[in-house]
């Protein structure tokens, strides 16, 4: 029951099926991941919606000019069964620099480039391209 992996795969599948947006259950951690994806340019926008049965996170999918989804590759690295941590020196390029590595650091959810700039390490969450 990996909620982060479910979120990422839902975003990828919504893009592949041509949807404009999707709703997933809200949590602060998912909202922080959505904020990091938005700042890195992988989603168009995100917002919290209130419903009777609980809050939802609405994510608007970003498409390229050729109508293909911005997110085409997602790989979860650190899993609930096996947590992986890395130092600042362990951060690597994803897809020869065309993708990003996302980390959970003491300064929040950051991309690999931001983490190197801030000189922090943390839990290696996922790769995305």
N, C-alpha and C. Protein backbone atom coordinates (compact mmCIF):
# COMPACT_ATOMS: atom_id res chain seq x y z
N UNK A 1 0.83 -1.18 0.00
CA UNK A 1 0.00 0.00 0.00
C UNK A 1 0.88 1.24 0.00
N UNK A 2 1.52 1.50 -1.08
CA UNK A 2 2.40 2.64 -1.22
C UNK A 2 1.62 3.81 -1.82
N UNK A 3 1.26 4.76 -1.00
CA UNK A 3 0.41 5.86 -1.43
C UNK A 3 1.11 6.81 -2.40
N UNK A 4 2.42 6.97 -2.26
CA UNK A 4 3.15 7.84 -3.19
C UNK A 4 3.21 7.21 -4.57
N UNK A 5 3.50 5.91 -4.63
CA UNK A 5 3.55 5.22 -5.92
C UNK A 5 2.17 5.23 -6.58
N UNK A 6 1.11 5.04 -5.80
CA UNK A 6 -0.24 5.10 -6.35
C UNK A 6 -0.53 6.47 -6.95
N UNK A 7 -0.09 7.53 -6.26
CA UNK A 7 -0.29 8.89 -6.76
C UNK A 7 0.44 9.11 -8.07
N UNK A 8 1.70 8.71 -8.13
CA UNK A 8 2.51 8.92 -9.32
C UNK A 8 1.98 8.14 -10.52
N UNK A 9 1.59 6.90 -10.29
CA UNK A 9 1.06 6.08 -11.39
C UNK A 9 -0.29 6.63 -11.85
N UNK A 10 -1.10 7.14 -10.93
CA UNK A 10 -2.38 7.74 -11.31
C UNK A 10 -2.17 8.97 -12.19
N UNK A 11 -1.18 9.79 -11.86
CA UNK A 11 -0.87 10.98 -12.67
C UNK A 11 -0.39 10.56 -14.05
N UNK A 12 0.50 9.57 -14.10
CA UNK A 12 1.03 9.09 -15.38
C UNK A 12 -0.08 8.49 -16.24
N UNK A 13 -0.94 7.66 -15.64
CA UNK A 13 -2.03 7.03 -16.39
C UNK A 13 -3.06 8.05 -16.87
N UNK A 14 -3.35 9.07 -16.05
CA UNK A 14 -4.29 10.11 -16.48
C UNK A 14 -3.74 10.86 -17.69
N UNK A 15 -2.45 11.12 -17.69
CA UNK A 15 -1.83 11.78 -18.84
C UNK A 15 -1.86 10.92 -20.08
N UNK A 16 -1.59 9.62 -19.92
CA UNK A 16 -1.60 8.71 -21.07
C UNK A 16 -3.00 8.53 -21.65
N UNK A 17 -4.04 8.68 -20.81
CA UNK A 17 -5.41 8.51 -21.31
C UNK A 17 -6.00 9.83 -21.79
N UNK A 18 -5.26 10.94 -21.68
CA UNK A 18 -5.71 12.21 -22.22
C UNK A 18 -6.60 13.03 -21.29
N UNK A 19 -6.65 12.72 -20.02
CA UNK A 19 -7.50 13.46 -19.09
C UNK A 19 -6.89 14.82 -18.77
N UNK A 20 -7.75 15.76 -18.44
CA UNK A 20 -7.30 17.10 -18.06
C UNK A 20 -6.85 17.15 -16.61
N UNK A 21 -7.55 16.43 -15.71
CA UNK A 21 -7.22 16.46 -14.29
C UNK A 21 -7.65 15.15 -13.64
N UNK A 22 -7.20 14.95 -12.39
CA UNK A 22 -7.60 13.77 -11.63
C UNK A 22 -7.72 14.14 -10.17
N UNK A 23 -8.49 13.35 -9.44
CA UNK A 23 -8.69 13.53 -8.01
C UNK A 23 -8.10 12.34 -7.27
N UNK A 24 -7.31 12.63 -6.24
CA UNK A 24 -6.76 11.59 -5.38
C UNK A 24 -7.01 12.00 -3.93
N UNK A 25 -7.04 11.06 -3.00
CA UNK A 25 -7.25 11.44 -1.59
C UNK A 25 -6.16 12.40 -1.12
N UNK A 26 -6.57 13.37 -0.30
CA UNK A 26 -5.66 14.42 0.16
C UNK A 26 -4.88 13.99 1.39
N UNK A 27 -3.61 14.36 1.41
CA UNK A 27 -2.79 14.30 2.61
C UNK A 27 -1.74 15.41 2.46
N UNK A 28 -1.20 15.86 3.56
CA UNK A 28 -0.19 16.92 3.50
C UNK A 28 1.04 16.48 2.73
N UNK A 29 1.43 15.21 2.88
CA UNK A 29 2.61 14.69 2.20
C UNK A 29 2.39 14.67 0.69
N UNK A 30 1.20 14.22 0.26
CA UNK A 30 0.88 14.22 -1.18
C UNK A 30 0.83 15.65 -1.72
N UNK A 31 0.31 16.57 -0.92
CA UNK A 31 0.26 17.98 -1.36
C UNK A 31 1.67 18.54 -1.51
N UNK A 32 2.59 18.16 -0.62
CA UNK A 32 3.98 18.60 -0.74
C UNK A 32 4.64 18.02 -1.99
N UNK A 33 4.34 16.78 -2.31
CA UNK A 33 4.88 16.17 -3.53
C UNK A 33 4.30 16.87 -4.76
N UNK A 34 2.99 17.17 -4.73
CA UNK A 34 2.36 17.88 -5.85
C UNK A 34 2.98 19.27 -6.01
N UNK A 35 3.28 19.94 -4.89
CA UNK A 35 3.92 21.26 -4.95
C UNK A 35 5.29 21.15 -5.62
N UNK A 36 6.06 20.12 -5.25
CA UNK A 36 7.38 19.92 -5.84
C UNK A 36 7.27 19.59 -7.34
N UNK A 37 6.29 18.78 -7.72
CA UNK A 37 6.08 18.46 -9.13
C UNK A 37 5.68 19.71 -9.92
N UNK A 38 4.86 20.56 -9.30
CA UNK A 38 4.43 21.81 -9.94
C UNK A 38 5.62 22.74 -10.15
N UNK A 39 6.45 22.89 -9.11
CA UNK A 39 7.60 23.78 -9.21
C UNK A 39 8.63 23.28 -10.22
N UNK A 40 8.71 21.95 -10.39
CA UNK A 40 9.66 21.39 -11.36
C UNK A 40 9.08 21.37 -12.77
N UNK A 41 7.79 21.71 -12.94
CA UNK A 41 7.19 21.79 -14.26
C UNK A 41 6.62 20.48 -14.78
N UNK A 42 6.21 19.57 -13.90
CA UNK A 42 5.66 18.29 -14.34
C UNK A 42 4.14 18.25 -14.31
N UNK A 43 3.49 19.14 -13.57
CA UNK A 43 2.03 19.24 -13.57
C UNK A 43 1.65 20.70 -13.76
N UNK A 44 0.43 20.92 -14.27
CA UNK A 44 -0.03 22.28 -14.55
C UNK A 44 -0.41 23.01 -13.27
N UNK A 45 -1.18 22.36 -12.39
CA UNK A 45 -1.58 22.96 -11.13
C UNK A 45 -2.11 21.88 -10.19
N UNK A 46 -2.31 22.27 -8.95
CA UNK A 46 -2.87 21.36 -7.95
C UNK A 46 -3.67 22.20 -6.96
N UNK A 47 -4.70 21.59 -6.37
CA UNK A 47 -5.51 22.30 -5.39
C UNK A 47 -6.22 21.30 -4.50
N UNK A 48 -6.61 21.76 -3.32
CA UNK A 48 -7.34 20.93 -2.36
C UNK A 48 -8.83 21.19 -2.54
N UNK A 49 -9.62 20.12 -2.69
CA UNK A 49 -11.07 20.22 -2.83
C UNK A 49 -11.71 19.56 -1.63
N UNK A 50 -12.76 20.19 -1.11
CA UNK A 50 -13.45 19.65 0.06
C UNK A 50 -14.71 18.93 -0.39
N UNK A 51 -14.90 17.70 0.12
CA UNK A 51 -16.09 16.89 -0.13
C UNK A 51 -16.61 16.38 1.19
N UNK A 52 -17.84 15.86 1.18
CA UNK A 52 -18.44 15.34 2.42
C UNK A 52 -17.64 14.17 2.98
N UNK A 53 -17.13 13.31 2.12
CA UNK A 53 -16.41 12.11 2.56
C UNK A 53 -14.93 12.33 2.77
N UNK A 54 -14.47 13.56 2.67
CA UNK A 54 -13.05 13.84 2.88
C UNK A 54 -12.50 14.73 1.79
N UNK A 55 -11.35 15.27 2.04
CA UNK A 55 -10.71 16.17 1.09
C UNK A 55 -10.04 15.37 -0.02
N UNK A 56 -9.96 16.00 -1.19
CA UNK A 56 -9.30 15.41 -2.35
C UNK A 56 -8.28 16.41 -2.88
N UNK A 57 -7.27 15.89 -3.50
CA UNK A 57 -6.24 16.70 -4.16
C UNK A 57 -6.51 16.62 -5.65
N UNK A 58 -6.81 17.78 -6.26
CA UNK A 58 -7.05 17.82 -7.70
C UNK A 58 -5.76 18.24 -8.39
N UNK A 59 -5.33 17.42 -9.33
CA UNK A 59 -4.09 17.68 -10.06
C UNK A 59 -4.42 17.84 -11.54
N UNK A 60 -4.01 18.96 -12.12
CA UNK A 60 -4.21 19.21 -13.55
C UNK A 60 -2.96 18.75 -14.30
N UNK A 61 -3.19 17.93 -15.32
CA UNK A 61 -2.11 17.31 -16.08
C UNK A 61 -1.54 18.30 -17.08
N UNK A 62 -0.22 18.29 -17.22
CA UNK A 62 0.48 19.16 -18.17
C UNK A 62 0.84 18.34 -19.41
N UNK A 63 0.58 18.93 -20.58
CA UNK A 63 0.90 18.28 -21.86
C UNK A 63 1.91 19.12 -22.62
N UNK A 64 2.70 18.45 -23.45
CA UNK A 64 3.66 19.13 -24.32
C UNK A 64 2.92 19.72 -25.52
N UNK A 65 3.63 20.42 -26.40
CA UNK A 65 3.02 21.02 -27.58
C UNK A 65 2.48 19.97 -28.55
N UNK A 66 3.11 18.79 -28.57
CA UNK A 66 2.65 17.73 -29.47
C UNK A 66 1.56 16.86 -28.83
N UNK A 67 0.93 17.34 -27.77
CA UNK A 67 -0.20 16.70 -27.07
C UNK A 67 0.18 15.43 -26.31
N UNK A 68 1.48 15.17 -26.15
CA UNK A 68 1.89 14.03 -25.33
C UNK A 68 2.04 14.49 -23.88
N UNK A 69 1.79 13.62 -22.92
CA UNK A 69 1.88 14.04 -21.52
C UNK A 69 3.32 14.37 -21.12
N UNK A 70 3.48 15.30 -20.19
CA UNK A 70 4.80 15.72 -19.71
C UNK A 70 5.48 14.60 -18.95
N UNK A 71 4.70 13.79 -18.23
CA UNK A 71 5.26 12.68 -17.46
C UNK A 71 5.11 11.40 -18.27
N UNK A 72 6.23 10.81 -18.64
CA UNK A 72 6.20 9.57 -19.41
C UNK A 72 6.91 8.42 -18.69
N UNK A 73 7.65 8.73 -17.64
CA UNK A 73 8.44 7.72 -16.93
C UNK A 73 8.40 8.03 -15.44
N UNK A 74 8.06 7.02 -14.64
CA UNK A 74 8.06 7.15 -13.18
C UNK A 74 8.65 5.88 -12.60
N UNK A 75 9.58 6.04 -11.66
CA UNK A 75 10.16 4.88 -10.98
C UNK A 75 10.29 5.20 -9.50
N UNK A 76 9.65 4.42 -8.68
CA UNK A 76 9.73 4.59 -7.22
C UNK A 76 11.02 3.95 -6.75
N UNK A 77 11.80 4.67 -5.95
CA UNK A 77 13.08 4.15 -5.49
C UNK A 77 12.96 3.63 -4.07
N UNK A 78 12.68 4.52 -3.12
CA UNK A 78 12.53 4.13 -1.72
C UNK A 78 11.10 3.66 -1.51
N UNK A 79 10.94 2.45 -1.02
CA UNK A 79 9.63 1.84 -0.84
C UNK A 79 9.37 1.64 0.65
N UNK A 80 8.13 1.41 1.04
CA UNK A 80 7.86 1.16 2.46
C UNK A 80 8.63 -0.05 3.00
N UNK A 81 8.87 -1.03 2.15
CA UNK A 81 9.59 -2.22 2.60
C UNK A 81 11.10 -2.05 2.60
N UNK A 82 11.59 -1.04 1.87
CA UNK A 82 13.03 -0.82 1.77
C UNK A 82 13.32 0.66 1.56
N UNK A 83 13.67 1.33 2.62
CA UNK A 83 13.96 2.76 2.55
C UNK A 83 15.39 2.97 2.09
N UNK A 84 15.59 3.89 1.15
CA UNK A 84 16.93 4.20 0.65
C UNK A 84 17.22 5.68 0.87
N UNK A 85 18.37 5.94 1.43
CA UNK A 85 18.78 7.30 1.74
C UNK A 85 20.07 7.61 1.01
N UNK A 86 20.26 8.87 0.70
CA UNK A 86 21.48 9.28 0.01
C UNK A 86 21.99 10.60 0.52
N UNK A 87 23.30 10.75 0.41
CA UNK A 87 23.91 12.02 0.76
C UNK A 87 23.88 12.93 -0.45
N UNK A 88 24.34 14.12 -0.26
CA UNK A 88 24.42 15.09 -1.33
C UNK A 88 25.27 14.55 -2.49
N UNK A 89 26.34 13.80 -2.19
CA UNK A 89 27.23 13.25 -3.22
C UNK A 89 26.62 12.09 -3.97
N UNK A 90 25.57 11.47 -3.41
CA UNK A 90 24.94 10.31 -4.04
C UNK A 90 23.87 10.68 -5.06
N UNK A 91 23.56 11.95 -5.23
CA UNK A 91 22.52 12.39 -6.15
C UNK A 91 23.04 12.26 -7.58
N UNK A 92 22.23 11.68 -8.44
CA UNK A 92 22.66 11.36 -9.81
C UNK A 92 21.66 11.93 -10.83
N UNK A 93 22.08 11.95 -12.09
CA UNK A 93 21.22 12.40 -13.18
C UNK A 93 20.24 11.31 -13.57
N UNK A 94 19.04 11.71 -13.95
CA UNK A 94 18.02 10.78 -14.40
C UNK A 94 17.81 11.01 -15.89
N UNK A 95 17.86 9.96 -16.68
CA UNK A 95 17.67 10.03 -18.14
C UNK A 95 18.60 11.07 -18.77
N UNK A 96 19.88 11.01 -18.44
CA UNK A 96 20.92 11.89 -18.95
C UNK A 96 20.56 13.37 -18.76
N UNK A 97 19.91 13.69 -17.66
CA UNK A 97 19.57 15.08 -17.35
C UNK A 97 18.19 15.51 -17.80
N UNK A 98 17.45 14.66 -18.52
CA UNK A 98 16.11 15.01 -18.99
C UNK A 98 15.04 14.71 -17.95
N UNK A 99 15.39 14.05 -16.87
CA UNK A 99 14.45 13.74 -15.80
C UNK A 99 14.93 14.33 -14.49
N UNK A 100 14.20 14.03 -13.43
CA UNK A 100 14.56 14.54 -12.11
C UNK A 100 14.45 13.43 -11.08
N UNK A 101 15.27 13.57 -10.06
CA UNK A 101 15.23 12.72 -8.88
C UNK A 101 14.61 13.56 -7.77
N UNK A 102 13.63 13.02 -7.05
CA UNK A 102 12.99 13.74 -5.96
C UNK A 102 13.39 13.11 -4.64
N UNK A 103 13.73 13.98 -3.67
CA UNK A 103 14.17 13.53 -2.36
C UNK A 103 13.32 14.17 -1.27
N UNK A 104 13.17 13.46 -0.17
CA UNK A 104 12.57 14.02 1.03
C UNK A 104 13.72 14.42 1.95
N UNK A 105 13.91 15.70 2.12
CA UNK A 105 15.05 16.23 2.87
C UNK A 105 14.56 16.98 4.10
N UNK A 106 15.45 17.39 4.99
CA UNK A 106 15.04 18.23 6.11
C UNK A 106 14.48 19.59 5.66
N UNK A 107 14.76 19.99 4.43
CA UNK A 107 14.25 21.25 3.89
C UNK A 107 13.00 21.04 3.04
N UNK A 108 12.39 19.85 3.10
CA UNK A 108 11.18 19.55 2.35
C UNK A 108 11.46 18.65 1.17
N UNK A 109 10.45 18.46 0.32
CA UNK A 109 10.60 17.64 -0.88
C UNK A 109 11.32 18.49 -1.93
N UNK A 110 12.47 18.01 -2.39
CA UNK A 110 13.29 18.75 -3.34
C UNK A 110 13.68 17.87 -4.52
N UNK A 111 13.98 18.50 -5.65
CA UNK A 111 14.55 17.76 -6.77
C UNK A 111 16.03 17.54 -6.47
N UNK A 112 16.67 16.66 -7.24
CA UNK A 112 18.08 16.39 -7.04
C UNK A 112 18.94 17.64 -7.23
N UNK A 113 18.60 18.46 -8.22
CA UNK A 113 19.36 19.68 -8.48
C UNK A 113 19.26 20.65 -7.31
N UNK A 114 18.04 20.81 -6.77
CA UNK A 114 17.86 21.71 -5.62
C UNK A 114 18.58 21.18 -4.39
N UNK A 115 18.55 19.85 -4.19
CA UNK A 115 19.21 19.26 -3.03
C UNK A 115 20.73 19.44 -3.11
N UNK A 116 21.30 19.29 -4.32
CA UNK A 116 22.74 19.52 -4.48
C UNK A 116 23.08 20.98 -4.20
N UNK A 117 22.22 21.89 -4.68
CA UNK A 117 22.45 23.31 -4.46
C UNK A 117 22.36 23.66 -2.97
N UNK A 118 21.41 23.05 -2.27
CA UNK A 118 21.23 23.29 -0.83
C UNK A 118 22.22 22.48 0.02
N UNK A 119 22.95 21.55 -0.62
CA UNK A 119 23.93 20.70 0.07
C UNK A 119 23.27 19.81 1.14
N UNK A 120 22.12 19.18 0.79
CA UNK A 120 21.44 18.28 1.72
C UNK A 120 21.18 16.95 1.03
N UNK A 121 21.05 15.91 1.82
CA UNK A 121 20.67 14.61 1.35
C UNK A 121 19.33 14.24 1.98
N UNK A 122 18.92 13.00 1.76
CA UNK A 122 17.65 12.56 2.33
C UNK A 122 17.20 11.26 1.71
N UNK A 123 15.91 10.97 1.90
CA UNK A 123 15.33 9.75 1.35
C UNK A 123 15.09 9.93 -0.14
N UNK A 124 15.59 8.99 -0.95
CA UNK A 124 15.42 9.03 -2.40
C UNK A 124 14.01 8.53 -2.72
N UNK A 125 13.09 9.42 -3.06
CA UNK A 125 11.70 9.04 -3.25
C UNK A 125 11.43 8.40 -4.60
N UNK A 126 11.65 9.14 -5.70
CA UNK A 126 11.33 8.60 -7.01
C UNK A 126 12.07 9.35 -8.10
N UNK A 127 12.12 8.72 -9.28
CA UNK A 127 12.66 9.33 -10.50
C UNK A 127 11.47 9.64 -11.40
N UNK A 128 11.55 10.70 -12.14
CA UNK A 128 10.46 11.05 -13.05
C UNK A 128 11.05 11.71 -14.29
N UNK A 129 10.43 11.47 -15.44
CA UNK A 129 10.88 12.10 -16.68
C UNK A 129 9.68 12.32 -17.59
